[in-house]
Amino acid sequence: MEKSLENQLADRISSAFDATKRMKSDAFQLGNYLKWRYPQTWNRNKTEWRQLYAERVIVEPDVNITIKWYGTAEKPEWNRILSAKEKSE
């Protein structure tokens, strides 16, 4: 189940990046990351960033999902509320 969810999420992330790359729109602000972390690289590439983003940026999602509980909550909050209400009656 975890592996299936990981694959589905990775596909969705890839699809989202592919859509923004088709539109040449840096919706995830990777350009800002470059600007903050690697200002010299940004200054060399900022004029053509949209084209570079669309053609050369490669995104490889690394998804790791762990399911801690299966099913319902062990002690749901509504049980506490119902117990308190029954005690008061």
PDB file of N, CA and C in Angstrom:
ATOM      1  N   MET A   1       0.815  -1.169   0.000  1.00  0.00           N
ATOM      2  CA  MET A   1       0.000   0.000   0.000  1.00  0.00           C
ATOM      3  C   MET A   1       0.876   1.257   0.000  1.00  0.00           C
ATOM      4  N   GLU A   2       1.916   1.260   0.831  1.00  0.00           N
ATOM      5  CA  GLU A   2       2.810   2.416   0.890  1.00  0.00           C
ATOM      6  C   GLU A   2       3.487   2.661  -0.452  1.00  0.00           C
ATOM      7  N   LYS A   3       3.965   1.585  -1.067  1.00  0.00           N
ATOM      8  CA  LYS A   3       4.651   1.709  -2.362  1.00  0.00           C
ATOM      9  C   LYS A   3       3.702   2.256  -3.427  1.00  0.00           C
ATOM     10  N   SER A   4       2.467   1.794  -3.413  1.00  0.00           N
ATOM     11  CA  SER A   4       1.476   2.277  -4.366  1.00  0.00           C
ATOM     12  C   SER A   4       1.234   3.776  -4.183  1.00  0.00           C
ATOM     13  N   LEU A   5       1.083   4.204  -2.926  1.00  0.00           N
ATOM     14  CA  LEU A   5       0.895   5.627  -2.647  1.00  0.00           C
ATOM     15  C   LEU A   5       2.115   6.442  -3.053  1.00  0.00           C
ATOM     16  N   GLU A   6       3.308   5.912  -2.797  1.00  0.00           N
ATOM     17  CA  GLU A   6       4.540   6.601  -3.194  1.00  0.00           C
ATOM     18  C   GLU A   6       4.577   6.817  -4.694  1.00  0.00           C
ATOM     19  N   ASN A   7       4.239   5.769  -5.442  1.00  0.00           N
ATOM     20  CA  ASN A   7       4.256   5.869  -6.904  1.00  0.00           C
ATOM     21  C   ASN A   7       3.224   6.863  -7.405  1.00  0.00           C
ATOM     22  N   GLN A   8       2.020   6.834  -6.822  1.00  0.00           N
ATOM     23  CA  GLN A   8       0.982   7.770  -7.233  1.00  0.00           C
ATOM     24  C   GLN A   8       1.388   9.213  -6.951  1.00  0.00           C
ATOM     25  N   LEU A   9       1.964   9.462  -5.784  1.00  0.00           N
ATOM     26  CA  LEU A   9       2.377  10.809  -5.428  1.00  0.00           C
ATOM     27  C   LEU A   9       3.530  11.282  -6.313  1.00  0.00           C
ATOM     28  N   ALA A  10       4.484  10.404  -6.575  1.00  0.00           N
ATOM     29  CA  ALA A  10       5.599  10.759  -7.453  1.00  0.00           C
ATOM     30  C   ALA A  10       5.085  11.114  -8.848  1.00  0.00           C
ATOM     31  N   ASP A  11       4.102  10.361  -9.342  1.00  0.00           N
ATOM     32  CA  ASP A  11       3.518  10.661 -10.649  1.00  0.00           C
ATOM     33  C   ASP A  11       2.826  12.024 -10.649  1.00  0.00           C
ATOM     34  N   ARG A  12       2.122  12.330  -9.583  1.00  0.00           N
ATOM     35  CA  ARG A  12       1.435  13.632  -9.491  1.00  0.00           C
ATOM     36  C   ARG A  12       2.434  14.784  -9.442  1.00  0.00           C
ATOM     37  N   ILE A  13       3.501  14.608  -8.690  1.00  0.00           N
ATOM     38  CA  ILE A  13       4.536  15.641  -8.618  1.00  0.00           C
ATOM     39  C   ILE A  13       5.158  15.850  -9.990  1.00  0.00           C
ATOM     40  N   SER A  14       5.507  14.760 -10.651  1.00  0.00           N
ATOM     41  CA  SER A  14       6.086  14.859 -11.998  1.00  0.00           C
ATOM     42  C   SER A  14       5.129  15.541 -12.962  1.00  0.00           C
ATOM     43  N   SER A  15       3.860  15.192 -12.888  1.00  0.00           N
ATOM     44  CA  SER A  15       2.853  15.803 -13.768  1.00  0.00           C
ATOM     45  C   SER A  15       2.745  17.303 -13.518  1.00  0.00           C
ATOM     46  N   ALA A  16       2.786  17.700 -12.255  1.00  0.00           N
ATOM     47  CA  ALA A  16       2.696  19.119 -11.917  1.00  0.00           C
ATOM     48  C   ALA A  16       3.891  19.885 -12.487  1.00  0.00           C
ATOM     49  N   PHE A  17       5.089  19.332 -12.338  1.00  0.00           N
ATOM     50  CA  PHE A  17       6.269  19.987 -12.895  1.00  0.00           C
ATOM     51  C   PHE A  17       6.220  20.008 -14.416  1.00  0.00           C
ATOM     52  N   ASP A  18       5.780  18.923 -15.023  1.00  0.00           N
ATOM     53  CA  ASP A  18       5.673  18.884 -16.486  1.00  0.00           C
ATOM     54  C   ASP A  18       4.723  19.962 -16.997  1.00  0.00           C
ATOM     55  N   ALA A  19       3.623  20.155 -16.301  1.00  0.00           N
ATOM     56  CA  ALA A  19       2.649  21.177 -16.716  1.00  0.00           C
ATOM     57  C   ALA A  19       3.265  22.570 -16.643  1.00  0.00           C
ATOM     58  N   THR A  20       3.993  22.860 -15.562  1.00  0.00           N
ATOM     59  CA  THR A  20       4.597  24.189 -15.434  1.00  0.00           C
ATOM     60  C   THR A  20       5.717  24.374 -16.456  1.00  0.00           C
ATOM     61  N   LYS A  21       6.419  23.306 -16.770  1.00  0.00           N
ATOM     62  CA  LYS A  21       7.491  23.404 -17.768  1.00  0.00           C
ATOM     63  C   LYS A  21       6.917  23.655 -19.162  1.00  0.00           C
ATOM     64  N   ARG A  22       5.774  23.033 -19.472  1.00  0.00           N
ATOM     65  CA  ARG A  22       5.136  23.285 -20.771  1.00  0.00           C
ATOM     66  C   ARG A  22       4.746  24.749 -20.914  1.00  0.00           C
ATOM     67  N   MET A  23       4.320  25.353 -19.816  1.00  0.00           N
ATOM     68  CA  MET A  23       3.902  26.757 -19.836  1.00  0.00           C
ATOM     69  C   MET A  23       5.074  27.717 -19.613  1.00  0.00           C
ATOM     70  N   LYS A  24       6.259  27.150 -19.368  1.00  0.00           N
ATOM     71  CA  LYS A  24       7.458  27.940 -19.054  1.00  0.00           C
ATOM     72  C   LYS A  24       7.188  28.881 -17.880  1.00  0.00           C
ATOM     73  N   SER A  25       6.565  28.327 -16.857  1.00  0.00           N
ATOM     74  CA  SER A  25       6.206  29.087 -15.659  1.00  0.00           C
ATOM     75  C   SER A  25       6.829  28.414 -14.438  1.00  0.00           C
ATOM     76  N   ASP A  26       7.699  29.113 -13.774  1.00  0.00           N
ATOM     77  CA  ASP A  26       8.379  28.571 -12.593  1.00  0.00           C
ATOM     78  C   ASP A  26       7.494  28.726 -11.356  1.00  0.00           C
ATOM     79  N   ALA A  27       6.382  28.001 -11.338  1.00  0.00           N
ATOM     80  CA  ALA A  27       5.403  28.115 -10.258  1.00  0.00           C
ATOM     81  C   ALA A  27       5.959  27.646  -8.916  1.00  0.00           C
ATOM     82  N   PHE A  28       6.954  26.801  -8.913  1.00  0.00           N
ATOM     83  CA  PHE A  28       7.511  26.274  -7.667  1.00  0.00           C
ATOM     84  C   PHE A  28       8.716  27.079  -7.173  1.00  0.00           C
ATOM     85  N   GLN A  29       8.985  28.203  -7.839  1.00  0.00           N
ATOM     86  CA  GLN A  29      10.010  29.162  -7.414  1.00  0.00           C
ATOM     87  C   GLN A  29      11.416  28.571  -7.338  1.00  0.00           C
ATOM     88  N   LEU A  30      11.757  27.701  -8.263  1.00  0.00           N
ATOM     89  CA  LEU A  30      13.113  27.160  -8.279  1.00  0.00           C
ATOM     90  C   LEU A  30      14.125  28.245  -8.624  1.00  0.00           C
ATOM     91  N   GLY A  31      13.698  29.228  -9.409  1.00  0.00           N
ATOM     92  CA  GLY A  31      14.568  30.361  -9.730  1.00  0.00           C
ATOM     93  C   GLY A  31      14.960  31.125  -8.479  1.00  0.00           C
ATOM     94  N   ASN A  32      14.021  31.316  -7.567  1.00  0.00           N
ATOM     95  CA  ASN A  32      14.337  31.998  -6.308  1.00  0.00           C
ATOM     96  C   ASN A  32      15.320  31.188  -5.477  1.00  0.00           C
ATOM     97  N   TYR A  33      15.164  29.878  -5.496  1.00  0.00           N
ATOM     98  CA  TYR A  33      16.118  29.027  -4.777  1.00  0.00           C
ATOM     99  C   TYR A  33      17.515  29.229  -5.342  1.00  0.00           C
ATOM    100  N   LEU A  34      17.621  29.232  -6.668  1.00  0.00           N
ATOM    101  CA  LEU A  34      18.919  29.485  -7.307  1.00  0.00           C
ATOM    102  C   LEU A  34      19.462  30.856  -6.912  1.00  0.00           C
ATOM    103  N   LYS A  35      18.592  31.839  -6.940  1.00  0.00           N
ATOM    104  CA  LYS A  35      18.992  33.213  -6.615  1.00  0.00           C
ATOM    105  C   LYS A  35      19.543  33.300  -5.194  1.00  0.00           C
ATOM    106  N   TRP A  36      18.902  32.629  -4.249  1.00  0.00           N
ATOM    107  CA  TRP A  36      19.326  32.682  -2.849  1.00  0.00           C
ATOM    108  C   TRP A  36      20.570  31.848  -2.576  1.00  0.00           C
ATOM    109  N   ARG A  37      20.585  30.635  -3.129  1.00  0.00           N
ATOM    110  CA  ARG A  37      21.668  29.696  -2.807  1.00  0.00           C
ATOM    111  C   ARG A  37      22.893  29.808  -3.720  1.00  0.00           C
ATOM    112  N   TYR A  38      22.653  30.138  -4.982  1.00  0.00           N
ATOM    113  CA  TYR A  38      23.731  30.184  -5.969  1.00  0.00           C
ATOM    114  C   TYR A  38      23.611  31.463  -6.792  1.00  0.00           C
ATOM    115  N   PRO A  39      23.881  32.611  -6.183  1.00  0.00           N
ATOM    116  CA  PRO A  39      23.652  33.885  -6.870  1.00  0.00           C
ATOM    117  C   PRO A  39      24.464  34.051  -8.156  1.00  0.00           C
ATOM    118  N   GLN A  40      25.677  33.546  -8.208  1.00  0.00           N
ATOM    119  CA  GLN A  40      26.476  33.684  -9.439  1.00  0.00           C
ATOM    120  C   GLN A  40      25.846  32.896 -10.582  1.00  0.00           C
ATOM    121  N   THR A  41      25.388  31.689 -10.289  1.00  0.00           N
ATOM    122  CA  THR A  41      24.721  30.879 -11.306  1.00  0.00           C
ATOM    123  C   THR A  41      23.443  31.569 -11.758  1.00  0.00           C
ATOM    124  N   TRP A  42      22.694  32.124 -10.805  1.00  0.00           N
ATOM    125  CA  TRP A  42      21.460  32.831 -11.134  1.00  0.00           C
ATOM    126  C   TRP A  42      21.739  34.024 -12.047  1.00  0.00           C
ATOM    127  N   ASN A  43      22.751  34.811 -11.710  1.00  0.00           N
ATOM    128  CA  ASN A  43      23.062  35.994 -12.504  1.00  0.00           C
ATOM    129  C   ASN A  43      23.441  35.638 -13.944  1.00  0.00           C
ATOM    130  N   ARG A  44      24.081  34.505 -14.132  1.00  0.00           N
ATOM    131  CA  ARG A  44      24.432  34.064 -15.488  1.00  0.00           C
ATOM    132  C   ARG A  44      23.213  33.612 -16.285  1.00  0.00           C
ATOM    133  N   ASN A  45      22.195  33.095 -15.590  1.00  0.00           N
ATOM    134  CA  ASN A  45      21.071  32.447 -16.278  1.00  0.00           C
ATOM    135  C   ASN A  45      19.720  33.144 -16.140  1.00  0.00           C
ATOM    136  N   LYS A  46      19.639  34.231 -15.388  1.00  0.00           N
ATOM    137  CA  LYS A  46      18.337  34.818 -15.089  1.00  0.00           C
ATOM    138  C   LYS A  46      17.599  35.330 -16.323  1.00  0.00           C
ATOM    139  N   THR A  47      18.296  35.808 -17.332  1.00  0.00           N
ATOM    140  CA  THR A  47      17.598  36.343 -18.511  1.00  0.00           C
ATOM    141  C   THR A  47      16.921  35.248 -19.329  1.00  0.00           C
ATOM    142  N   GLU A  48      17.455  34.064 -19.286  1.00  0.00           N
ATOM    143  CA  GLU A  48      16.863  32.962 -20.051  1.00  0.00           C
ATOM    144  C   GLU A  48      16.317  31.854 -19.148  1.00  0.00           C
ATOM    145  N   TRP A  49      16.007  32.209 -17.903  1.00  0.00           N
ATOM    146  CA  TRP A  49      15.591  31.205 -16.925  1.00  0.00           C
ATOM    147  C   TRP A  49      14.362  30.413 -17.362  1.00  0.00           C
ATOM    148  N   ARG A  50      13.358  31.060 -17.899  1.00  0.00           N
ATOM    149  CA  ARG A  50      12.134  30.342 -18.284  1.00  0.00           C
ATOM    150  C   ARG A  50      12.428  29.264 -19.315  1.00  0.00           C
ATOM    151  N   GLN A  51      13.270  29.585 -20.268  1.00  0.00           N
ATOM    152  CA  GLN A  51      13.640  28.599 -21.295  1.00  0.00           C
ATOM    153  C   GLN A  51      14.457  27.463 -20.683  1.00  0.00           C
ATOM    154  N   LEU A  52      15.405  27.813 -19.843  1.00  0.00           N
ATOM    155  CA  LEU A  52      16.216  26.785 -19.176  1.00  0.00           C
ATOM    156  C   LEU A  52      15.350  25.890 -18.300  1.00  0.00           C
ATOM    157  N   TYR A  53      14.436  26.506 -17.575  1.00  0.00           N
ATOM    158  CA  TYR A  53      13.533  25.731 -16.719  1.00  0.00           C
ATOM    159  C   TYR A  53      12.731  24.735 -17.549  1.00  0.00           C
ATOM    160  N   ALA A  54      12.204  25.194 -18.659  1.00  0.00           N
ATOM    161  CA  ALA A  54      11.357  24.344 -19.497  1.00  0.00           C
ATOM    162  C   ALA A  54      12.143  23.212 -20.147  1.00  0.00           C
ATOM    163  N   GLU A  55      13.377  23.469 -20.523  1.00  0.00           N
ATOM    164  CA  GLU A  55      14.129  22.489 -21.322  1.00  0.00           C
ATOM    165  C   GLU A  55      15.157  21.673 -20.551  1.00  0.00           C
ATOM    166  N   ARG A  56      15.729  22.243 -19.491  1.00  0.00           N
ATOM    167  CA  ARG A  56      16.879  21.564 -18.881  1.00  0.00           C
ATOM    168  C   ARG A  56      16.715  21.139 -17.429  1.00  0.00           C
ATOM    169  N   VAL A  57      15.721  21.666 -16.756  1.00  0.00           N
ATOM    170  CA  VAL A  57      15.516  21.277 -15.353  1.00  0.00           C
ATOM    171  C   VAL A  57      14.918  19.879 -15.314  1.00  0.00           C
ATOM    172  N   ILE A  58      15.542  19.021 -14.537  1.00  0.00           N
ATOM    173  CA  ILE A  58      15.068  17.644 -14.376  1.00  0.00           C
ATOM    174  C   ILE A  58      14.613  17.469 -12.928  1.00  0.00           C
ATOM    175  N   VAL A  59      13.392  17.005 -12.760  1.00  0.00           N
ATOM    176  CA  VAL A  59      12.836  16.785 -11.426  1.00  0.00           C
ATOM    177  C   VAL A  59      12.644  15.285 -11.240  1.00  0.00           C
ATOM    178  N   GLU A  60      13.249  14.760 -10.191  1.00  0.00           N
ATOM    179  CA  GLU A  60      13.107  13.350  -9.851  1.00  0.00           C
ATOM    180  C   GLU A  60      12.540  13.258  -8.437  1.00  0.00           C
ATOM    181  N   PRO A  61      11.227  13.116  -8.309  1.00  0.00           N
ATOM    182  CA  PRO A  61      10.620  13.065  -6.975  1.00  0.00           C
ATOM    183  C   PRO A  61      11.130  11.870  -6.172  1.00  0.00           C
ATOM    184  N   ASP A  62      11.460  12.127  -4.928  1.00  0.00           N
ATOM    185  CA  ASP A  62      11.895  11.080  -4.002  1.00  0.00           C
ATOM    186  C   ASP A  62      10.856  11.032  -2.883  1.00  0.00           C
ATOM    187  N   VAL A  63       9.917  10.115  -3.002  1.00  0.00           N
ATOM    188  CA  VAL A  63       8.782  10.042  -2.084  1.00  0.00           C
ATOM    189  C   VAL A  63       8.945   8.833  -1.171  1.00  0.00           C
ATOM    190  N   ASN A  64       8.746   9.061   0.130  1.00  0.00           N
ATOM    191  CA  ASN A  64       8.835   7.979   1.099  1.00  0.00           C
ATOM    192  C   ASN A  64       7.654   8.105   2.054  1.00  0.00           C
ATOM    193  N   ILE A  65       6.679   7.225   1.909  1.00  0.00           N
ATOM    194  CA  ILE A  65       5.475   7.259   2.735  1.00  0.00           C
ATOM    195  C   ILE A  65       5.506   6.099   3.718  1.00  0.00           C
ATOM    196  N   THR A  66       5.182   6.391   4.969  1.00  0.00           N
ATOM    197  CA  THR A  66       5.071   5.359   5.993  1.00  0.00           C
ATOM    198  C   THR A  66       3.678   5.457   6.605  1.00  0.00           C
ATOM    199  N   ILE A  67       2.935   4.375   6.561  1.00  0.00           N
ATOM    200  CA  ILE A  67       1.610   4.339   7.176  1.00  0.00           C
ATOM    201  C   ILE A  67       1.794   3.815   8.593  1.00  0.00           C
ATOM    202  N   LYS A  68       1.406   4.628   9.557  1.00  0.00           N
ATOM    203  CA  LYS A  68       1.605   4.253  10.958  1.00  0.00           C
ATOM    204  C   LYS A  68       0.417   3.486  11.515  1.00  0.00           C
ATOM    205  N   TRP A  69      -0.794   3.818  11.086  1.00  0.00           N
ATOM    206  CA  TRP A  69      -1.984   3.131  11.551  1.00  0.00           C
ATOM    207  C   TRP A  69      -2.859   2.782  10.364  1.00  0.00           C
ATOM    208  N   TYR A  70      -3.431   1.618  10.419  1.00  0.00           N
ATOM    209  CA  TYR A  70      -4.400   1.205   9.405  1.00  0.00           C
ATOM    210  C   TYR A  70      -5.780   1.295  10.042  1.00  0.00           C
ATOM    211  N   GLY A  71      -6.743   1.746   9.308  1.00  0.00           N
ATOM    212  CA  GLY A  71      -8.099   1.799   9.833  1.00  0.00           C
ATOM    213  C   GLY A  71      -8.376   3.061  10.608  1.00  0.00           C
ATOM    214  N   THR A  72      -9.182   2.923  11.650  1.00  0.00           N
ATOM    215  CA  THR A  72      -9.632   4.088  12.406  1.00  0.00           C
ATOM    216  C   THR A  72      -8.664   4.430  13.526  1.00  0.00           C
ATOM    217  N   ALA A  73      -8.904   5.550  14.155  1.00  0.00           N
ATOM    218  CA  ALA A  73      -8.079   5.982  15.268  1.00  0.00           C
ATOM    219  C   ALA A  73      -8.272   5.045  16.458  1.00  0.00           C
ATOM    220  N   GLU A  74      -7.205   4.869  17.213  1.00  0.00           N
ATOM    221  CA  GLU A  74      -7.256   3.966  18.359  1.00  0.00           C
ATOM    222  C   GLU A  74      -8.198   4.494  19.446  1.00  0.00           C
ATOM    223  N   LYS A  75      -8.111   5.765  19.758  1.00  0.00           N
ATOM    224  CA  LYS A  75      -8.990   6.389  20.752  1.00  0.00           C
ATOM    225  C   LYS A  75      -9.513   7.696  20.160  1.00  0.00           C
ATOM    226  N   PRO A  76     -10.567   7.621  19.356  1.00  0.00           N
ATOM    227  CA  PRO A  76     -11.078   8.842  18.734  1.00  0.00           C
ATOM    228  C   PRO A  76     -11.583   9.848  19.766  1.00  0.00           C
ATOM    229  N   GLU A  77     -11.494  11.115  19.424  1.00  0.00           N
ATOM    230  CA  GLU A  77     -11.886  12.205  20.315  1.00  0.00           C
ATOM    231  C   GLU A  77     -13.365  12.133  20.684  1.00  0.00           C
ATOM    232  N   TRP A  78     -14.196  11.707  19.745  1.00  0.00           N
ATOM    233  CA  TRP A  78     -15.628  11.684  20.047  1.00  0.00           C
ATOM    234  C   TRP A  78     -15.971  10.685  21.150  1.00  0.00           C
ATOM    235  N   ASN A  79     -15.173   9.639  21.342  1.00  0.00           N
ATOM    236  CA  ASN A  79     -15.420   8.710  22.449  1.00  0.00           C
ATOM    237  C   ASN A  79     -15.269   9.419  23.793  1.00  0.00           C
ATOM    238  N   ARG A  80     -14.288  10.284  23.931  1.00  0.00           N
ATOM    239  CA  ARG A  80     -14.076  11.025  25.162  1.00  0.00           C
ATOM    240  C   ARG A  80     -15.258  11.961  25.412  1.00  0.00           C
ATOM    241  N   ILE A  81     -15.716  12.626  24.351  1.00  0.00           N
ATOM    242  CA  ILE A  81     -16.844  13.555  24.487  1.00  0.00           C
ATOM    243  C   ILE A  81     -18.107  12.814  24.891  1.00  0.00           C
ATOM    244  N   LEU A  82     -18.383  11.672  24.235  1.00  0.00           N
ATOM    245  CA  LEU A  82     -19.579  10.892  24.562  1.00  0.00           C
ATOM    246  C   LEU A  82     -19.520  10.351  25.980  1.00  0.00           C
ATOM    247  N   SER A  83     -18.362   9.896  26.411  1.00  0.00           N
ATOM    248  CA  SER A  83     -18.207   9.378  27.780  1.00  0.00           C
ATOM    249  C   SER A  83     -18.475  10.466  28.800  1.00  0.00           C
ATOM    250  N   ALA A  84     -17.933  11.664  28.558  1.00  0.00           N
ATOM    251  CA  ALA A  84     -18.149  12.772  29.477  1.00  0.00           C
ATOM    252  C   ALA A  84     -19.617  13.163  29.531  1.00  0.00           C
ATOM    253  N   LYS A  85     -20.298  13.114  28.394  1.00  0.00           N
ATOM    254  CA  LYS A  85     -21.712  13.474  28.345  1.00  0.00           C
ATOM    255  C   LYS A  85     -22.552  12.449  29.100  1.00  0.00           C
ATOM    256  N   GLU A  86     -22.245  11.152  28.937  1.00  0.00           N
ATOM    257  CA  GLU A  86     -22.999  10.097  29.614  1.00  0.00           C
ATOM    258  C   GLU A  86     -22.808  10.180  31.127  1.00  0.00           C
ATOM    259  N   LYS A  87     -21.614  10.526  31.565  1.00  0.00           N
ATOM    260  CA  LYS A  87     -21.340  10.639  32.996  1.00  0.00           C
ATOM    261  C   LYS A  87     -22.110  11.797  33.622  1.00  0.00           C
ATOM    262  N   SER A  88     -22.304  12.865  32.855  1.00  0.00           N
ATOM    263  CA  SER A  88     -23.004  14.032  33.393  1.00  0.00           C
ATOM    264  C   SER A  88     -24.510  13.831  33.461  1.00  0.00           C
ATOM    265  N   GLU A  89     -25.046  12.872  32.724  1.00  0.00           N
ATOM    266  CA  GLU A  89     -26.505  12.640  32.724  1.00  0.00           C
ATOM    267  C   GLU A  89     -26.948  11.782  33.822  1.00  0.00           C
TER     268      GLU A  89
END
